[in-house]
Each structure stands twice: as structure tokens, then as C-alpha cells.
Amino acid sequence: MKAMRSIEQPEARQSASRSRPGVVYLQAPVCLGILLRKEEEGWRVRVGRDERVIPVDASVDPALIVEAFADGTRVVIDASHSPAIVGVIQKSRVLRISPDGAVEAKLERFSIEASKEAVIKTMSAFLQLKGGEVELYGLRLVSRAREAAKILARIIHLN
């Protein structure tokens, strides 16, 4: 907060301290805030000791803001003209896509939950999960096991 105070204009500090206690923090062109609650016109945000309702910029994914609220993640506010929430501060690593389109990660656990459908696809094969069905397609299907492979089914249809 000291850094934000030092970049304010002296007149703004003096007029703010005369009108009410505390400091008006939105004098800086970019500042950080904490989301307090969703309101009709935007989000109520606390910046230092000041609270105000600030709209979310149209370029920001609304789900990102909802996640930031749930996690307590600070939001980035562009106060250069009319204040707007323009992003969030990243607090953890994310999966990145390399310039050649590859995603690589070493993980302990990987879980994806899709309510309707999940598809993993290459040029000539795919795995599709839809409802209670699993569809596996490829030019060649290979199943390998070191110890034993067990297939349990009530009915097996082979074409």
C-alpha cells in the first residue's frame, strides 16, 4: 500500500483526507483489489481501505472473475480512465501451450470431468466418452498388459 500512496498526486491525498478518513487508492493508473461481492453494476471491490463497485472489462472471461472471487485472488483494475477490472493475479501454475501446439506436464493426478461429452482425437483415431458410452476408433487397437488383462462384459459384439 505504501507504493500506491507514493504515486498519488499530493492534491488528491490532501483532498481525500479532508473529505473522509483513509486514502483514495484509485488515483494510480493500475491497482489491485479484492472482490467482495457481485452487484448489479459490476463487482464490489476493496482497494486499500476504499470500496466501490467496478465493472468488468468485456475482454475478461466472466468465469475467471467468479473463480477469483471464490479463491480470494486479487483483481487488476485499470483506473486510467473509468475504472474497470481487466484481469486477475495468477497464484498458481497453469498448463501452457507451446508455440508448436504441444502441452506437456508432469503431474501426480489428472482428472477431467465433462457433463456431456469428452473427446480425445488425432488425425486417424479418437476416444469419445458420451453419456454411458465409450467409443474407441483407430486403424489398429492395441491393448498391452504385463501381468494379465481382464475384459468383463455382458454382451460382446464383434463385426
C-alpha atoms as a PDB file:
ATOM      1  CA  MET A   1       0.000   0.000   0.000  1.00  0.00           C
ATOM      2  CA  LYS A   2       2.914   2.375   0.599  1.00  0.00           C
ATOM      3  CA  ALA A   3       3.891   2.169  -3.069  1.00  0.00           C
ATOM      4  CA  MET A   4       0.389   3.188  -4.099  1.00  0.00           C
ATOM      5  CA  ARG A   5       0.420   6.148  -1.717  1.00  0.00           C
ATOM      6  CA  SER A   6       3.713   7.382  -3.103  1.00  0.00           C
ATOM      7  CA  ILE A   7       2.423   7.579  -6.682  1.00  0.00           C
ATOM      8  CA  GLU A   8      -0.694   9.568  -5.826  1.00  0.00           C
ATOM      9  CA  GLN A   9      -0.829  13.261  -6.525  1.00  0.00           C
ATOM     10  CA  PRO A  10      -0.316  15.343  -3.338  1.00  0.00           C
ATOM     11  CA  GLU A  11      -3.526  17.298  -4.037  1.00  0.00           C
ATOM     12  CA  ALA A  12      -5.524  14.050  -4.274  1.00  0.00           C
ATOM     13  CA  ARG A  13      -4.134  12.890  -0.920  1.00  0.00           C
ATOM     14  CA  GLN A  14      -4.959  16.176   0.765  1.00  0.00           C
ATOM     15  CA  SER A  15      -8.480  16.473  -0.667  1.00  0.00           C
ATOM     16  CA  ALA A  16      -9.221  12.813   0.141  1.00  0.00           C
ATOM     17  CA  SER A  17      -8.048  13.194   3.718  1.00  0.00           C
ATOM     18  CA  ARG A  18     -10.220  16.319   4.168  1.00  0.00           C
ATOM     19  CA  SER A  19     -13.381  14.717   2.754  1.00  0.00           C
ATOM     20  CA  ARG A  20     -13.150  11.432   4.681  1.00  0.00           C
ATOM     21  CA  PRO A  21     -10.584   9.345   6.513  1.00  0.00           C
ATOM     22  CA  GLY A  22      -8.497   6.892   4.544  1.00  0.00           C
ATOM     23  CA  VAL A  23      -6.848   7.238   1.169  1.00  0.00           C
ATOM     24  CA  VAL A  24      -8.383   7.199  -2.287  1.00  0.00           C
ATOM     25  CA  TYR A  25      -6.350   4.441  -3.961  1.00  0.00           C
ATOM     26  CA  LEU A  26      -7.801   4.631  -7.460  1.00  0.00           C
ATOM     27  CA  GLN A  27      -5.535   7.571  -8.306  1.00  0.00           C
ATOM     28  CA  ALA A  28      -2.881   5.140  -9.640  1.00  0.00           C
ATOM     29  CA  PRO A  29      -3.375   4.032 -13.283  1.00  0.00           C
ATOM     30  CA  VAL A  30      -3.253   0.330 -12.298  1.00  0.00           C
ATOM     31  CA  CYS A  31      -4.083  -1.100  -8.884  1.00  0.00           C
ATOM     32  CA  LEU A  32      -5.037  -4.352  -7.189  1.00  0.00           C
ATOM     33  CA  GLY A  33      -8.301  -5.071  -5.431  1.00  0.00           C
ATOM     34  CA  ILE A  34     -10.143  -7.829  -3.593  1.00  0.00           C
ATOM     35  CA  LEU A  35     -13.611  -8.854  -4.777  1.00  0.00           C
ATOM     36  CA  LEU A  36     -16.218  -8.576  -2.037  1.00  0.00           C
ATOM     37  CA  ARG A  37     -19.465  -9.464  -3.826  1.00  0.00           C
ATOM     38  CA  LYS A  38     -21.284  -9.359  -7.159  1.00  0.00           C
ATOM     39  CA  GLU A  39     -23.603  -6.425  -7.640  1.00  0.00           C
ATOM     40  CA  GLU A  40     -25.916  -5.338 -10.450  1.00  0.00           C
ATOM     41  CA  GLU A  41     -23.475  -2.836 -11.987  1.00  0.00           C
ATOM     42  CA  GLY A  42     -20.334  -4.975 -11.532  1.00  0.00           C
ATOM     43  CA  TRP A  43     -18.340  -6.203  -8.544  1.00  0.00           C
ATOM     44  CA  ARG A  44     -17.855  -4.503  -5.187  1.00  0.00           C
ATOM     45  CA  VAL A  45     -14.087  -4.302  -4.821  1.00  0.00           C
ATOM     46  CA  ARG A  46     -11.902  -3.261  -1.899  1.00  0.00           C
ATOM     47  CA  VAL A  47      -8.777  -1.334  -2.866  1.00  0.00           C
ATOM     48  CA  GLY A  48      -6.845  -0.484   0.273  1.00  0.00           C
ATOM     49  CA  ARG A  49      -9.491   0.964   2.611  1.00  0.00           C
ATOM     50  CA  ASP A  50     -11.726   2.160  -0.213  1.00  0.00           C
ATOM     51  CA  GLU A  51     -14.690   0.124  -1.528  1.00  0.00           C
ATOM     52  CA  ARG A  52     -16.534   0.737  -4.754  1.00  0.00           C
ATOM     53  CA  VAL A  53     -18.484  -1.073  -7.476  1.00  0.00           C
ATOM     54  CA  ILE A  54     -16.340  -1.572 -10.583  1.00  0.00           C
ATOM     55  CA  PRO A  55     -17.476  -3.124 -13.887  1.00  0.00           C
ATOM     56  CA  VAL A  56     -15.585  -5.965 -15.565  1.00  0.00           C
ATOM     57  CA  ASP A  57     -13.988  -5.172 -18.929  1.00  0.00           C
ATOM     58  CA  ALA A  58     -15.653  -7.024 -21.826  1.00  0.00           C
ATOM     59  CA  SER A  59     -12.333  -8.723 -22.702  1.00  0.00           C
ATOM     60  CA  VAL A  60     -12.276 -10.634 -19.378  1.00  0.00           C
ATOM     61  CA  ASP A  61     -13.816 -14.107 -19.117  1.00  0.00           C
ATOM     62  CA  PRO A  62     -16.627 -13.824 -16.504  1.00  0.00           C
ATOM     63  CA  ALA A  63     -15.780 -17.316 -15.181  1.00  0.00           C
ATOM     64  CA  LEU A  64     -12.266 -16.077 -14.379  1.00  0.00           C
ATOM     65  CA  ILE A  65     -13.725 -13.359 -12.145  1.00  0.00           C
ATOM     66  CA  VAL A  66     -16.047 -15.835 -10.401  1.00  0.00           C
ATOM     67  CA  GLU A  67     -13.043 -18.117  -9.719  1.00  0.00           C
ATOM     68  CA  ALA A  68     -11.057 -15.151  -8.398  1.00  0.00           C
ATOM     69  CA  PHE A  69     -13.914 -14.330  -6.022  1.00  0.00           C
ATOM     70  CA  ALA A  70     -14.098 -17.938  -4.779  1.00  0.00           C
ATOM     71  CA  ASP A  71     -10.318 -18.154  -4.279  1.00  0.00           C
ATOM     72  CA  GLY A  72      -9.785 -14.667  -2.859  1.00  0.00           C
ATOM     73  CA  THR A  73      -7.453 -13.851  -5.763  1.00  0.00           C
ATOM     74  CA  ARG A  74      -6.693 -10.179  -6.275  1.00  0.00           C
ATOM     75  CA  VAL A  75      -8.005  -8.494  -9.406  1.00  0.00           C
ATOM     76  CA  VAL A  76      -6.194  -5.971 -11.587  1.00  0.00           C
ATOM     77  CA  ILE A  77      -8.008  -2.670 -12.037  1.00  0.00           C
ATOM     78  CA  ASP A  78      -7.263  -0.221 -14.835  1.00  0.00           C
ATOM     79  CA  ALA A  79      -8.127   3.143 -13.326  1.00  0.00           C
ATOM     80  CA  SER A  80      -6.562   5.286 -16.043  1.00  0.00           C
ATOM     81  CA  HIS A  81      -9.968   6.491 -17.326  1.00  0.00           C
ATOM     82  CA  SER A  82     -13.130   4.918 -15.996  1.00  0.00           C
ATOM     83  CA  PRO A  83     -12.086   2.112 -13.569  1.00  0.00           C
ATOM     84  CA  ALA A  84     -12.589  -1.424 -14.895  1.00  0.00           C
ATOM     85  CA  ILE A  85     -11.486  -4.892 -13.788  1.00  0.00           C
ATOM     86  CA  VAL A  86      -9.118  -6.077 -16.524  1.00  0.00           C
ATOM     87  CA  GLY A  87      -7.693  -9.313 -15.117  1.00  0.00           C
ATOM     88  CA  VAL A  88      -6.603 -11.326 -12.101  1.00  0.00           C
ATOM     89  CA  ILE A  89      -3.277 -12.079 -10.462  1.00  0.00           C
ATOM     90  CA  GLN A  90      -2.139 -15.618 -11.205  1.00  0.00           C
ATOM     91  CA  LYS A  91      -1.358 -17.521  -7.994  1.00  0.00           C
ATOM     92  CA  SER A  92      -0.548 -20.968  -9.301  1.00  0.00           C
ATOM     93  CA  ARG A  93       1.000 -22.633 -12.318  1.00  0.00           C
ATOM     94  CA  VAL A  94      -1.169 -23.249 -15.357  1.00  0.00           C
ATOM     95  CA  LEU A  95      -0.844 -25.634 -18.281  1.00  0.00           C
ATOM     96  CA  ARG A  96       0.745 -23.781 -21.171  1.00  0.00           C
ATOM     97  CA  ILE A  97       0.527 -24.401 -24.896  1.00  0.00           C
ATOM     98  CA  SER A  98       3.887 -24.133 -26.650  1.00  0.00           C
ATOM     99  CA  PRO A  99       4.194 -22.229 -29.952  1.00  0.00           C
ATOM    100  CA  ASP A 100       4.105 -25.573 -31.811  1.00  0.00           C
ATOM    101  CA  GLY A 101       0.813 -26.521 -30.102  1.00  0.00           C
ATOM    102  CA  ALA A 102       2.106 -29.010 -27.511  1.00  0.00           C
ATOM    103  CA  VAL A 103       1.033 -29.273 -23.865  1.00  0.00           C
ATOM    104  CA  GLU A 104       3.394 -31.148 -21.591  1.00  0.00           C
ATOM    105  CA  ALA A 105       3.053 -31.604 -17.850  1.00  0.00           C
ATOM    106  CA  LYS A 106       4.321 -33.941 -15.134  1.00  0.00           C
ATOM    107  CA  LEU A 107       1.502 -34.486 -12.666  1.00  0.00           C
ATOM    108  CA  GLU A 108       0.602 -36.673  -9.717  1.00  0.00           C
ATOM    109  CA  ARG A 109      -3.027 -36.909 -10.800  1.00  0.00           C
ATOM    110  CA  PHE A 110      -5.008 -35.827 -13.861  1.00  0.00           C
ATOM    111  CA  SER A 111      -8.790 -35.541 -13.829  1.00  0.00           C
ATOM    112  CA  ILE A 112     -11.240 -34.001 -16.268  1.00  0.00           C
ATOM    113  CA  GLU A 113     -14.980 -34.018 -15.750  1.00  0.00           C
ATOM    114  CA  ALA A 114     -17.288 -33.266 -18.650  1.00  0.00           C
ATOM    115  CA  SER A 115     -21.047 -33.181 -18.122  1.00  0.00           C
ATOM    116  CA  LYS A 116     -21.940 -34.181 -21.708  1.00  0.00           C
ATOM    117  CA  GLU A 117     -19.018 -35.352 -23.805  1.00  0.00           C
ATOM    118  CA  ALA A 118     -15.223 -35.737 -23.841  1.00  0.00           C
ATOM    119  CA  VAL A 119     -13.193 -36.413 -26.986  1.00  0.00           C
ATOM    120  CA  ILE A 120      -9.502 -37.108 -27.485  1.00  0.00           C
ATOM    121  CA  LYS A 121      -8.693 -37.066 -31.187  1.00  0.00           C
ATOM    122  CA  THR A 122      -5.750 -37.392 -33.551  1.00  0.00           C
ATOM    123  CA  MET A 123      -5.727 -37.439 -37.365  1.00  0.00           C
ATOM    124  CA  SER A 124      -6.712 -41.121 -37.591  1.00  0.00           C
ATOM    125  CA  ALA A 125      -8.006 -42.203 -34.159  1.00  0.00           C
ATOM    126  CA  PHE A 126     -10.255 -40.996 -31.352  1.00  0.00           C
ATOM    127  CA  LEU A 127     -11.640 -41.804 -27.936  1.00  0.00           C
ATOM    128  CA  GLN A 128     -15.101 -40.435 -27.237  1.00  0.00           C
ATOM    129  CA  LEU A 129     -16.958 -40.544 -23.934  1.00  0.00           C
ATOM    130  CA  LYS A 130     -20.611 -39.608 -24.266  1.00  0.00           C
ATOM    131  CA  GLY A 131     -23.285 -40.393 -21.712  1.00  0.00           C
ATOM    132  CA  GLY A 132     -22.749 -44.011 -20.705  1.00  0.00           C
ATOM    133  CA  GLU A 133     -20.879 -44.928 -23.913  1.00  0.00           C
ATOM    134  CA  VAL A 134     -17.193 -45.187 -24.683  1.00  0.00           C
ATOM    135  CA  GLU A 135     -16.233 -45.210 -28.349  1.00  0.00           C
ATOM    136  CA  LEU A 136     -12.698 -46.092 -29.356  1.00  0.00           C
ATOM    137  CA  TYR A 137     -11.673 -45.907 -33.000  1.00  0.00           C
ATOM    138  CA  GLY A 138      -8.366 -46.434 -34.723  1.00  0.00           C
ATOM    139  CA  LEU A 139      -6.742 -48.201 -37.654  1.00  0.00           C
ATOM    140  CA  ARG A 140      -5.306 -50.626 -35.123  1.00  0.00           C
ATOM    141  CA  LEU A 141      -6.377 -51.136 -31.475  1.00  0.00           C
ATOM    142  CA  VAL A 142      -3.681 -52.456 -29.177  1.00  0.00           C
ATOM    143  CA  SER A 143      -4.082 -53.475 -25.545  1.00  0.00           C
ATOM    144  CA  ARG A 144      -0.979 -54.466 -23.589  1.00  0.00           C
ATOM    145  CA  ALA A 145      -0.592 -55.733 -20.057  1.00  0.00           C
ATOM    146  CA  ARG A 146       2.434 -57.044 -18.176  1.00  0.00           C
ATOM    147  CA  GLU A 147       0.598 -59.372 -15.871  1.00  0.00           C
ATOM    148  CA  ALA A 148      -2.949 -60.008 -17.003  1.00  0.00           C
ATOM    149  CA  ALA A 149      -5.687 -58.368 -18.982  1.00  0.00           C
ATOM    150  CA  LYS A 150      -9.255 -58.886 -17.944  1.00  0.00           C
ATOM    151  CA  ILE A 151     -12.274 -57.909 -20.020  1.00  0.00           C
ATOM    152  CA  LEU A 152     -15.652 -58.036 -18.328  1.00  0.00           C
ATOM    153  CA  ALA A 153     -18.806 -57.638 -20.372  1.00  0.00           C
ATOM    154  CA  ARG A 154     -22.355 -58.897 -20.569  1.00  0.00           C
ATOM    155  CA  ILE A 155     -22.530 -58.913 -24.351  1.00  0.00           C
ATOM    156  CA  ILE A 156     -19.703 -58.560 -26.817  1.00  0.00           C
ATOM    157  CA  HIS A 157     -20.476 -57.643 -30.414  1.00  0.00           C
ATOM    158  CA  LEU A 158     -17.684 -58.126 -32.884  1.00  0.00           C
ATOM    159  CA  ASN A 159     -18.175 -57.124 -36.527  1.00  0.00           C
END
